[in-house]
Each structure stands twice: as structure tokens, then as C-alpha cells.
């Protein structure tokens, strides 16, 4: 059975992770709904900003 280790995200990693996460969230909205890319990008930015620092 594989072992998984977790660690806190480093401060210098956050910006890249947040951008990738937000982009992936928007990608999902465009892939699985009829949402336009610009609308998905704006919604993703708002949603992520509402729950993350």
C-alpha cells in the first residue's frame, strides 16, 4: 500500500498553486457546462477569492 505524506504549502508555492487551481476550476466549468470562458474565469476568480486568502 502506498504511503502518502502531507505538508503545509510553502509561502513561495502559493501563487503558482492558486493560479493553477483557479485555472483548473474555470476549465471544469467550461468543459462541463455551457459557460463561456470569460464568465468561467471571472466566476473562478470570485469563488476562489471568497474562500482563500
Foldseek 3Di string as FASTA:
>chain_A
DDDDDDDDDDPVCVVVVLVVVLQVQLVVCVVPHVDDSVRSSVVSVVVCVVPDD
